[in-house]
Amino acid sequence: MRWREDFISRKRPSPFDKDPKRLRSDKKITGRTLAELEEVSIRLNTLISILEERGIINRKEYESTVAMRLHEVSKATAFEELNEEL
C-alpha cells in the first residue's frame, strides 16, 4: 500500500481540493452563467461520450441502467412518503 500513499501524495492539486462543494473551475466563462444542475449534466454527458468513444462503456446499456435506477429511487421515495402519511 506504500506505493498508493506515494501516488496520492504526489497527485497534482485540483480546484476541488479547497472546497469539495465547488463545481465551477476558475476559468473565465463567456456567455450565460450555467446553473449547477446544468453544469453537472453537461459534465456527465461529456464524460459518458468520452467513455463511449474509448469503448469503456456502452451508452445504451448505461441509459437502461440509469432508467432502472431512477425508477427504483422514485418508487422507494413514493413508498416512504406513503408510510409517513400513514
Protein backbone atom coordinates (compact mmCIF):
# COMPACT_ATOMS: atom_id res chain seq x y z
CA MET A 1 0.00 0.00 0.00
CA ARG A 2 3.03 2.26 0.27
CA TRP A 3 3.07 2.95 -3.48
CA ARG A 4 -0.57 4.07 -3.29
CA GLU A 5 0.20 6.52 -0.49
CA ASP A 6 3.10 7.93 -2.52
CA PHE A 7 0.88 8.25 -5.58
CA ILE A 8 -1.85 10.04 -3.63
CA SER A 9 0.63 12.44 -2.03
CA ARG A 10 2.12 13.30 -5.46
CA LYS A 11 -1.15 13.95 -7.26
CA ARG A 12 -1.48 17.39 -8.75
CA PRO A 13 -3.72 19.87 -6.97
CA SER A 14 -7.34 20.02 -8.02
CA PRO A 15 -9.64 23.06 -7.94
CA PHE A 16 -11.97 20.89 -5.84
CA ASP A 17 -9.35 20.34 -3.08
CA LYS A 18 -10.03 23.70 -1.47
CA ASP A 19 -13.82 23.39 -1.42
CA PRO A 20 -15.34 19.98 -2.26
CA LYS A 21 -18.78 21.53 -2.84
CA ARG A 22 -17.39 23.80 -5.54
CA LEU A 23 -18.27 22.67 -9.04
CA ARG A 24 -17.07 25.55 -11.16
CA SER A 25 -13.49 25.95 -12.31
CA ASP A 26 -11.58 29.23 -12.08
CA LYS A 27 -11.67 29.68 -15.86
CA LYS A 28 -13.49 32.68 -17.22
CA ILE A 29 -16.68 31.64 -18.98
CA THR A 30 -18.21 33.88 -21.60
CA GLY A 31 -21.94 33.90 -22.08
CA ARG A 32 -24.68 32.97 -19.65
CA THR A 33 -23.74 31.55 -16.26
CA LEU A 34 -24.98 27.98 -16.00
CA ALA A 35 -26.95 26.64 -13.07
CA GLU A 36 -25.24 23.90 -11.05
CA LEU A 37 -27.67 21.30 -12.38
CA GLU A 38 -26.96 22.31 -15.98
CA GLU A 39 -23.21 22.21 -15.41
CA VAL A 40 -23.31 18.79 -13.75
CA SER A 41 -25.50 17.47 -16.55
CA ILE A 42 -23.11 18.76 -19.23
CA ARG A 43 -20.08 17.36 -17.39
CA LEU A 44 -21.74 13.95 -17.04
CA ASN A 45 -22.83 13.85 -20.69
CA THR A 46 -19.30 14.76 -21.77
CA LEU A 47 -17.81 12.04 -19.59
CA ILE A 48 -20.26 9.44 -20.94
CA SER A 49 -19.39 10.45 -24.51
CA ILE A 50 -15.65 10.13 -23.86
CA LEU A 51 -16.06 6.73 -22.19
CA GLU A 52 -18.25 5.51 -25.06
CA GLU A 53 -15.76 6.71 -27.70
CA ARG A 54 -12.98 4.80 -25.94
CA GLY A 55 -15.09 1.64 -25.77
CA ILE A 56 -15.21 1.61 -21.98
CA ILE A 57 -18.99 1.74 -21.69
CA ASN A 58 -21.99 1.07 -23.89
CA ARG A 59 -24.31 4.12 -23.98
CA LYS A 60 -27.50 2.05 -24.47
CA GLU A 61 -26.63 -0.16 -21.50
CA TYR A 62 -25.79 2.93 -19.43
CA GLU A 63 -29.10 4.63 -20.35
CA SER A 64 -31.04 1.46 -19.49
CA THR A 65 -29.29 1.09 -16.13
CA VAL A 66 -29.88 4.75 -15.28
CA ALA A 67 -33.56 4.47 -16.19
CA MET A 68 -33.95 1.42 -13.91
CA ARG A 69 -32.12 3.14 -11.06
CA LEU A 70 -34.23 6.30 -11.39
CA HIS A 71 -37.37 4.17 -11.35
CA GLU A 72 -36.19 2.30 -8.22
CA VAL A 73 -35.38 5.53 -6.37
CA SER A 74 -38.66 7.12 -7.44
CA LYS A 75 -40.62 4.09 -6.23
CA ALA A 76 -38.74 3.94 -2.91
CA THR A 77 -39.36 7.64 -2.33
CA ALA A 78 -43.06 7.23 -3.06
CA PHE A 79 -43.30 4.34 -0.59
CA GLU A 80 -41.51 6.36 2.08
CA GLU A 81 -43.93 9.25 1.57
CA LEU A 82 -46.89 6.88 1.84
CA ASN A 83 -45.51 5.39 5.06
CA GLU A 84 -45.09 8.87 6.54
CA GLU A 85 -48.70 9.72 5.70
CA LEU A 86 -49.99 6.58 7.39
